[in-house]
C-alpha atoms as a PDB file:
ATOM      1  CA  MET A   1      -0.022  24.890  -0.261  1.00  0.00           C
ATOM      2  CA  GLU A   2       2.633  22.512   0.996  1.00  0.00           C
ATOM      3  CA  GLU A   3       3.910  22.200   4.580  1.00  0.00           C
ATOM      4  CA  ARG A   4       6.248  19.658   6.188  1.00  0.00           C
ATOM      5  CA  VAL A   5       4.860  18.321   9.468  1.00  0.00           C
ATOM      6  CA  THR A   6       6.005  15.988  12.265  1.00  0.00           C
ATOM      7  CA  PHE A   7       3.983  14.389  15.081  1.00  0.00           C
ATOM      8  CA  VAL A   8       4.393  11.635  17.667  1.00  0.00           C
ATOM      9  CA  SER A   9       2.148   8.528  17.648  1.00  0.00           C
ATOM     10  CA  GLY A  10       2.672   5.513  19.867  1.00  0.00           C
ATOM     11  CA  GLY A  11       6.071   6.754  20.893  1.00  0.00           C
ATOM     12  CA  LEU A  12       7.236   7.103  17.280  1.00  0.00           C
ATOM     13  CA  LYS A  13       8.025  10.391  15.591  1.00  0.00           C
ATOM     14  CA  LEU A  14       6.345  10.479  12.182  1.00  0.00           C
ATOM     15  CA  ALA A  15       6.967  12.935   9.385  1.00  0.00           C
ATOM     16  CA  GLY A  16       4.869  13.925   6.412  1.00  0.00           C
ATOM     17  CA  VAL A  17       4.001  16.595   3.839  1.00  0.00           C
ATOM     18  CA  LEU A  18       0.682  18.399   4.194  1.00  0.00           C
ATOM     19  CA  HIS A  19      -0.963  19.507   0.937  1.00  0.00           C
ATOM     20  CA  GLY A  20      -3.859  21.887   0.801  1.00  0.00           C
ATOM     21  CA  PRO A  21      -5.618  24.434  -1.437  1.00  0.00           C
ATOM     22  CA  ASP A  22      -4.112  27.902  -1.460  1.00  0.00           C
ATOM     23  CA  SER A  23      -7.584  29.456  -1.444  1.00  0.00           C
ATOM     24  CA  ARG A  24      -8.879  27.867   1.762  1.00  0.00           C
ATOM     25  CA  GLY A  25     -10.524  30.411   4.104  1.00  0.00           C
ATOM     26  CA  ALA A  26      -9.380  30.856   7.705  1.00  0.00           C
ATOM     27  CA  ARG A  27     -12.550  29.124   9.061  1.00  0.00           C
ATOM     28  CA  GLU A  28     -13.165  26.782   6.170  1.00  0.00           C
ATOM     29  CA  ARG A  29     -13.343  23.103   7.045  1.00  0.00           C
ATOM     30  CA  LEU A  30     -12.338  20.491   4.475  1.00  0.00           C
ATOM     31  CA  PRO A  31     -11.942  16.653   4.523  1.00  0.00           C
ATOM     32  CA  ALA A  32      -8.393  15.438   5.037  1.00  0.00           C
ATOM     33  CA  PHE A  33      -6.710  12.195   3.907  1.00  0.00           C
ATOM     34  CA  LEU A  34      -3.659  10.422   5.247  1.00  0.00           C
ATOM     35  CA  VAL A  35      -1.989   8.974   2.167  1.00  0.00           C
ATOM     36  CA  LEU A  36       0.653   6.315   2.996  1.00  0.00           C
ATOM     37  CA  HIS A  37       3.556   5.792   0.668  1.00  0.00           C
ATOM     38  CA  GLY A  38       4.118   2.372  -1.005  1.00  0.00           C
ATOM     39  CA  PHE A  39       6.591  -0.282   0.076  1.00  0.00           C
ATOM     40  CA  GLY A  40      10.126   1.158   0.179  1.00  0.00           C
ATOM     41  CA  SER A  41       9.011   4.663  -0.831  1.00  0.00           C
ATOM     42  CA  SER A  42       8.842   7.784   1.340  1.00  0.00           C
ATOM     43  CA  LYS A  43       7.034  11.108   1.614  1.00  0.00           C
ATOM     44  CA  ASP A  44       9.667  12.566  -0.728  1.00  0.00           C
ATOM     45  CA  SER A  45       9.432   9.881  -3.418  1.00  0.00           C
ATOM     46  CA  GLY A  46       7.317  10.186  -6.598  1.00  0.00           C
ATOM     47  CA  GLY A  47       4.281  12.285  -7.465  1.00  0.00           C
ATOM     48  CA  SER A  48       0.906  12.348  -5.699  1.00  0.00           C
ATOM     49  CA  ASN A  49      -0.554   9.855  -8.178  1.00  0.00           C
ATOM     50  CA  GLN A  50       2.139   7.335  -7.364  1.00  0.00           C
ATOM     51  CA  ARG A  51       1.591   7.783  -3.637  1.00  0.00           C
ATOM     52  CA  ILE A  52      -2.167   7.396  -3.947  1.00  0.00           C
ATOM     53  CA  GLY A  53      -1.773   4.459  -6.288  1.00  0.00           C
ATOM     54  CA  ALA A  54       0.490   2.699  -3.809  1.00  0.00           C
ATOM     55  CA  CYS A  55      -1.991   3.335  -1.052  1.00  0.00           C
ATOM     56  CA  VAL A  56      -4.871   1.884  -3.109  1.00  0.00           C
ATOM     57  CA  SER A  57      -2.974  -1.171  -4.290  1.00  0.00           C
ATOM     58  CA  ALA A  58      -1.854  -1.909  -0.736  1.00  0.00           C
ATOM     59  CA  GLY A  59      -5.426  -2.814   0.068  1.00  0.00           C
ATOM     60  CA  GLY A  60      -4.964  -6.110  -1.689  1.00  0.00           C
ATOM     61  CA  TRP A  61      -3.253  -7.876   1.165  1.00  0.00           C
ATOM     62  CA  GLY A  62      -5.534 -10.126   3.099  1.00  0.00           C
ATOM     63  CA  ASP A  63      -2.983 -12.673   4.406  1.00  0.00           C
ATOM     64  CA  GLY A  64       0.774 -12.119   4.386  1.00  0.00           C
ATOM     65  CA  GLU A  65       1.766 -15.783   4.077  1.00  0.00           C
ATOM     66  CA  LYS A  66      -0.686 -16.502   1.226  1.00  0.00           C
ATOM     67  CA  LYS A  67       0.459 -13.374  -0.574  1.00  0.00           C
ATOM     68  CA  PHE A  68       4.137 -14.360  -0.391  1.00  0.00           C
ATOM     69  CA  ARG A  69       3.332 -17.928  -1.442  1.00  0.00           C
ATOM     70  CA  LYS A  70       1.639 -16.628  -4.562  1.00  0.00           C
ATOM     71  CA  GLN A  71       4.363 -14.120  -5.360  1.00  0.00           C
ATOM     72  CA  HIS A  72       7.050 -16.829  -5.043  1.00  0.00           C
ATOM     73  CA  GLU A  73       4.916 -19.366  -6.819  1.00  0.00           C
ATOM     74  CA  SER A  74       7.423 -21.880  -8.230  1.00  0.00           C
ATOM     75  CA  PRO A  75       8.940 -24.468  -5.875  1.00  0.00           C
ATOM     76  CA  GLU A  76      12.421 -22.964  -6.466  1.00  0.00           C
ATOM     77  CA  ALA A  77      11.313 -19.416  -5.683  1.00  0.00           C
ATOM     78  CA  TRP A  78       9.452 -20.487  -2.590  1.00  0.00           C
ATOM     79  CA  GLY A  79      12.422 -22.539  -1.454  1.00  0.00           C
ATOM     80  CA  ARG A  80      14.714 -19.469  -1.779  1.00  0.00           C
ATOM     81  CA  PHE A  81      12.194 -17.288   0.135  1.00  0.00           C
ATOM     82  CA  THR A  82      11.764 -19.738   3.032  1.00  0.00           C
ATOM     83  CA  ALA A  83      15.546 -20.310   3.178  1.00  0.00           C
ATOM     84  CA  MET A  84      15.933 -16.560   3.555  1.00  0.00           C
ATOM     85  CA  LEU A  85      13.398 -16.603   6.436  1.00  0.00           C
ATOM     86  CA  ALA A  86      15.257 -19.459   8.136  1.00  0.00           C
ATOM     87  CA  GLU A  87      18.663 -17.708   7.698  1.00  0.00           C
ATOM     88  CA  GLY A  88      17.348 -14.421   9.094  1.00  0.00           C
ATOM     89  CA  ARG A  89      16.008 -16.160  12.168  1.00  0.00           C
ATOM     90  CA  ARG A  90      19.178 -18.228  12.640  1.00  0.00           C
ATOM     91  CA  ARG A  91      21.452 -15.131  12.322  1.00  0.00           C
ATOM     92  CA  ARG A  92      19.402 -13.158  14.838  1.00  0.00           C
ATOM     93  CA  GLN A  93      19.317 -16.011  17.332  1.00  0.00           C
ATOM     94  CA  GLU A  94      23.063 -16.698  17.087  1.00  0.00           C
ATOM     95  CA  THR A  95      24.427 -13.150  16.760  1.00  0.00           C
ATOM     96  CA  GLY A  96      21.597 -10.799  17.700  1.00  0.00           C
ATOM     97  CA  GLU A  97      22.072  -9.107  14.325  1.00  0.00           C
ATOM     98  CA  SER A  98      19.695  -8.679  11.419  1.00  0.00           C
ATOM     99  CA  ILE A  99      20.437  -9.585   7.832  1.00  0.00           C
ATOM    100  CA  MET A 100      19.564  -7.138   5.000  1.00  0.00           C
ATOM    101  CA  VAL A 101      17.342  -8.444   2.188  1.00  0.00           C
ATOM    102  CA  PRO A 102      17.160  -6.951  -1.325  1.00  0.00           C
ATOM    103  CA  ARG A 103      13.783  -5.377  -2.257  1.00  0.00           C
ATOM    104  CA  TYR A 104      13.037  -7.677  -5.202  1.00  0.00           C
ATOM    105  CA  ASP A 105      13.800 -10.797  -3.170  1.00  0.00           C
ATOM    106  CA  ILE A 106      10.888  -9.745  -0.919  1.00  0.00           C
ATOM    107  CA  VAL A 107       8.387  -8.515  -3.529  1.00  0.00           C
ATOM    108  CA  PRO A 108       9.415  -9.790  -6.991  1.00  0.00           C
ATOM    109  CA  ILE A 109       8.277  -6.952  -9.297  1.00  0.00           C
ATOM    110  CA  PRO A 110       8.704  -7.932 -12.948  1.00  0.00           C
ATOM    111  CA  PRO A 111      11.552  -5.988 -14.691  1.00  0.00           C
ATOM    112  CA  ALA A 112       9.032  -4.338 -17.101  1.00  0.00           C
ATOM    113  CA  LEU A 113       7.272  -2.664 -14.153  1.00  0.00           C
ATOM    114  CA  ARG A 114      10.317  -1.563 -12.152  1.00  0.00           C
ATOM    115  CA  GLY A 115      10.322   1.805 -13.862  1.00  0.00           C
ATOM    116  CA  ASN A 116       7.246   2.667 -11.781  1.00  0.00           C
ATOM    117  CA  VAL A 117       9.162   2.330  -8.522  1.00  0.00           C
ATOM    118  CA  ALA A 118       9.505   5.847  -7.062  1.00  0.00           C
ATOM    119  CA  PRO A 119      12.948   7.508  -7.333  1.00  0.00           C
ATOM    120  CA  GLY A 120      14.932   7.284  -4.118  1.00  0.00           C
ATOM    121  CA  SER A 121      13.066   4.179  -2.902  1.00  0.00           C
ATOM    122  CA  ILE A 122      14.728   1.881  -0.303  1.00  0.00           C
ATOM    123  CA  MET A 123      16.238  -1.131  -2.021  1.00  0.00           C
ATOM    124  CA  GLU A 124      17.282  -3.186   1.035  1.00  0.00           C
ATOM    125  CA  PHE A 125      15.348  -3.973   4.206  1.00  0.00           C
ATOM    126  CA  PRO A 126      16.171  -5.451   7.594  1.00  0.00           C
ATOM    127  CA  PHE A 127      14.918  -8.988   8.070  1.00  0.00           C
ATOM    128  CA  GLU A 128      12.406  -7.940  10.691  1.00  0.00           C
ATOM    129  CA  VAL A 129      10.491  -5.987   8.049  1.00  0.00           C
ATOM    130  CA  ILE A 130       9.907  -9.126   5.972  1.00  0.00           C
ATOM    131  CA  GLU A 131       9.055 -11.158   9.077  1.00  0.00           C
ATOM    132  CA  SER A 132       6.333  -8.651  10.103  1.00  0.00           C
ATOM    133  CA  MET A 133       4.934  -8.531   6.555  1.00  0.00           C
ATOM    134  CA  TYR A 134       4.825 -12.333   6.477  1.00  0.00           C
ATOM    135  CA  ALA A 135       2.856 -12.463   9.762  1.00  0.00           C
ATOM    136  CA  PHE A 136       0.486  -9.588   8.886  1.00  0.00           C
ATOM    137  CA  ARG A 137      -3.161 -10.594   8.353  1.00  0.00           C
ATOM    138  CA  ALA A 138      -5.322  -7.640   7.204  1.00  0.00           C
ATOM    139  CA  ASN A 139      -8.309 -10.012   7.070  1.00  0.00           C
ATOM    140  CA  ASP A 140      -8.294 -10.117  10.872  1.00  0.00           C
ATOM    141  CA  VAL A 141      -8.664  -6.356  11.259  1.00  0.00           C
ATOM    142  CA  VAL A 142     -10.321  -4.985   8.115  1.00  0.00           C
ATOM    143  CA  GLY A 143     -13.759  -5.404   9.575  1.00  0.00           C
ATOM    144  CA  LYS A 144     -12.966  -2.806  12.216  1.00  0.00           C
ATOM    145  CA  ILE A 145     -12.942  -0.051   9.539  1.00  0.00           C
ATOM    146  CA  SER A 146     -16.752  -0.321   9.318  1.00  0.00           C
ATOM    147  CA  PRO A 147     -18.965   1.725   9.477  1.00  0.00           C
ATOM    148  CA  ARG A 148     -16.409   3.960   7.774  1.00  0.00           C
ATOM    149  CA  PRO A 149     -16.366   3.527   3.987  1.00  0.00           C
ATOM    150  CA  LEU A 150     -13.661   1.423   2.315  1.00  0.00           C
ATOM    151  CA  LEU A 151     -12.657   1.365  -1.354  1.00  0.00           C
ATOM    152  CA  LEU A 152     -10.645  -1.542  -2.784  1.00  0.00           C
ATOM    153  CA  LEU A 153      -9.228  -1.060  -6.283  1.00  0.00           C
ATOM    154  CA  HIS A 154      -7.196  -3.893  -7.818  1.00  0.00           C
ATOM    155  CA  PRO A 155      -6.024  -4.876 -11.305  1.00  0.00           C
ATOM    156  CA  ALA A 156      -8.049  -7.844 -12.577  1.00  0.00           C
ATOM    157  CA  ASN A 157      -4.672  -9.448 -13.479  1.00  0.00           C
ATOM    158  CA  ASP A 158      -2.018  -8.083 -11.082  1.00  0.00           C
ATOM    159  CA  SER A 159       1.489  -9.393 -11.800  1.00  0.00           C
ATOM    160  CA  VAL A 160       2.771  -8.379  -8.337  1.00  0.00           C
ATOM    161  CA  THR A 161       0.044  -8.622  -5.655  1.00  0.00           C
ATOM    162  CA  PRO A 162      -2.430 -11.521  -6.116  1.00  0.00           C
ATOM    163  CA  THR A 163      -5.870 -10.218  -7.125  1.00  0.00           C
ATOM    164  CA  GLU A 164      -7.606 -12.807  -4.928  1.00  0.00           C
ATOM    165  CA  GLN A 165      -6.134 -11.017  -1.865  1.00  0.00           C
ATOM    166  CA  SER A 166      -8.479  -8.063  -2.452  1.00  0.00           C
ATOM    167  CA  ILE A 167     -11.413 -10.403  -3.008  1.00  0.00           C
ATOM    168  CA  ASP A 168     -10.613 -12.175   0.276  1.00  0.00           C
ATOM    169  CA  LEU A 169     -10.223  -8.785   1.999  1.00  0.00           C
ATOM    170  CA  PHE A 170     -13.649  -7.730   0.684  1.00  0.00           C
ATOM    171  CA  ARG A 171     -15.225 -10.905   2.143  1.00  0.00           C
ATOM    172  CA  HIS A 172     -13.859 -10.034   5.584  1.00  0.00           C
ATOM    173  CA  ALA A 173     -14.737  -6.312   5.446  1.00  0.00           C
ATOM    174  CA  GLY A 174     -17.804  -4.680   6.884  1.00  0.00           C
ATOM    175  CA  GLN A 175     -20.093  -2.266   5.067  1.00  0.00           C
ATOM    176  CA  PRO A 176     -19.989   0.037   3.233  1.00  0.00           C
ATOM    177  CA  THR A 177     -17.156  -1.513   1.191  1.00  0.00           C
ATOM    178  CA  ASP A 178     -16.735  -1.307  -2.612  1.00  0.00           C
ATOM    179  CA  LEU A 179     -14.445  -3.576  -4.596  1.00  0.00           C
ATOM    180  CA  HIS A 180     -13.535  -2.897  -8.211  1.00  0.00           C
ATOM    181  CA  LEU A 181     -11.336  -5.205 -10.305  1.00  0.00           C
ATOM    182  CA  VAL A 182     -10.093  -3.291 -13.336  1.00  0.00           C
ATOM    183  CA  ALA A 183      -8.961  -4.858 -16.598  1.00  0.00           C
ATOM    184  CA  GLY A 184      -6.160  -3.408 -18.671  1.00  0.00           C
ATOM    185  CA  VAL A 185      -3.985  -2.158 -15.802  1.00  0.00           C
ATOM    186  CA  ASP A 186      -1.233  -3.730 -13.701  1.00  0.00           C
ATOM    187  CA  HIS A 187       0.099  -3.274 -10.188  1.00  0.00           C
ATOM    188  CA  PHE A 188       0.743   0.484 -10.279  1.00  0.00           C
ATOM    189  CA  VAL A 189      -2.866   1.250 -11.006  1.00  0.00           C
ATOM    190  CA  LEU A 190      -2.819   5.079 -10.916  1.00  0.00           C
ATOM    191  CA  SER A 191       0.465   5.562 -12.732  1.00  0.00           C
ATOM    192  CA  GLU A 192      -1.009   4.421 -16.058  1.00  0.00           C
ATOM    193  CA  GLY A 193      -3.507   7.284 -16.523  1.00  0.00           C
ATOM    194  CA  ASN A 194      -6.426   4.844 -16.919  1.00  0.00           C
ATOM    195  CA  THR A 195      -9.616   6.960 -17.071  1.00  0.00           C
ATOM    196  CA  LEU A 196     -11.785   4.262 -15.573  1.00  0.00           C
ATOM    197  CA  VAL A 197      -9.581   3.983 -12.480  1.00  0.00           C
ATOM    198  CA  VAL A 198      -9.596   7.804 -12.015  1.00  0.00           C
ATOM    199  CA  THR A 199     -13.386   7.962 -12.521  1.00  0.00           C
ATOM    200  CA  LEU A 200     -14.041   5.176  -9.963  1.00  0.00           C
ATOM    201  CA  LEU A 201     -11.862   6.947  -7.392  1.00  0.00           C
ATOM    202  CA  ARG A 202     -13.401  10.391  -8.097  1.00  0.00           C
ATOM    203  CA  ASN A 203     -16.967   9.096  -7.865  1.00  0.00           C
ATOM    204  CA  TRP A 204     -16.239   7.300  -4.588  1.00  0.00           C
ATOM    205  CA  LEU A 205     -14.754  10.444  -3.094  1.00  0.00           C
ATOM    206  CA  ASP A 206     -17.700  12.524  -4.321  1.00  0.00           C
ATOM    207  CA  LYS A 207     -20.089  10.086  -2.658  1.00  0.00           C
ATOM    208  CA  TYR A 208     -18.490   9.794   0.722  1.00  0.00           C
ATOM    209  CA  PHE A 209     -16.509  13.038   1.025  1.00  0.00           C
ATOM    210  CA  PRO A 210     -18.538  15.685  -0.869  1.00  0.00           C
ATOM    211  CA  VAL A 211     -16.968  19.136  -0.747  1.00  0.00           C
ATOM    212  CA  SER A 212     -18.815  22.340  -1.621  1.00  0.00           C
ATOM    213  CA  PRO A 213     -16.863  25.304  -2.983  1.00  0.00           C
ATOM    214  CA  ARG A 214     -16.893  26.871   0.483  1.00  0.00           C
ATOM    215  CA  SER A 215     -17.471  24.101   3.054  1.00  0.00           C
ATOM    216  CA  ARG A 216     -17.574  25.341   6.632  1.00  0.00           C
END
């Protein structure tokens, strides 16, 4: 079952796609999950595995500034990134307009991994998007998820989002929180068909969101 839905939250109109089992009874109650698409993607981009994978990998973002410093690690790359920040602020102050920034100038995904980017993804963003990402500190709010369960999955060697960001996020989280660092996968963790990743996710769901054949 697939149904397109819209709703208003905080004055914003949000749109999504609702997926459910065709066999659900009229009074049957099932758990529901809000799956957020990855950076630059949308509800219409990619398959369900890509969307879930993006949601899981997004957990590894404890501190926006530290993340960007690690991603733009060389002095030259960091110099280009900070110059872009300065230019965006200057342009807005002088003209009231926003500059547009190419996707890979924001998050430098290696060319070998770019085939995993969902079709139809946004490839340029207004400067304010980067500015808000730079200022975002998930470490300051992740503890508020508790006592709800939290799962953090991260590649042990992520070539896009620094692995230590998930470790730092885990340290700031409440309980119950599980952190798994998985070898042999890269940034798009669920697009590689790794059986360990799928098993970890399935077992976590079975533990915290068990569903009987006819839950009511």
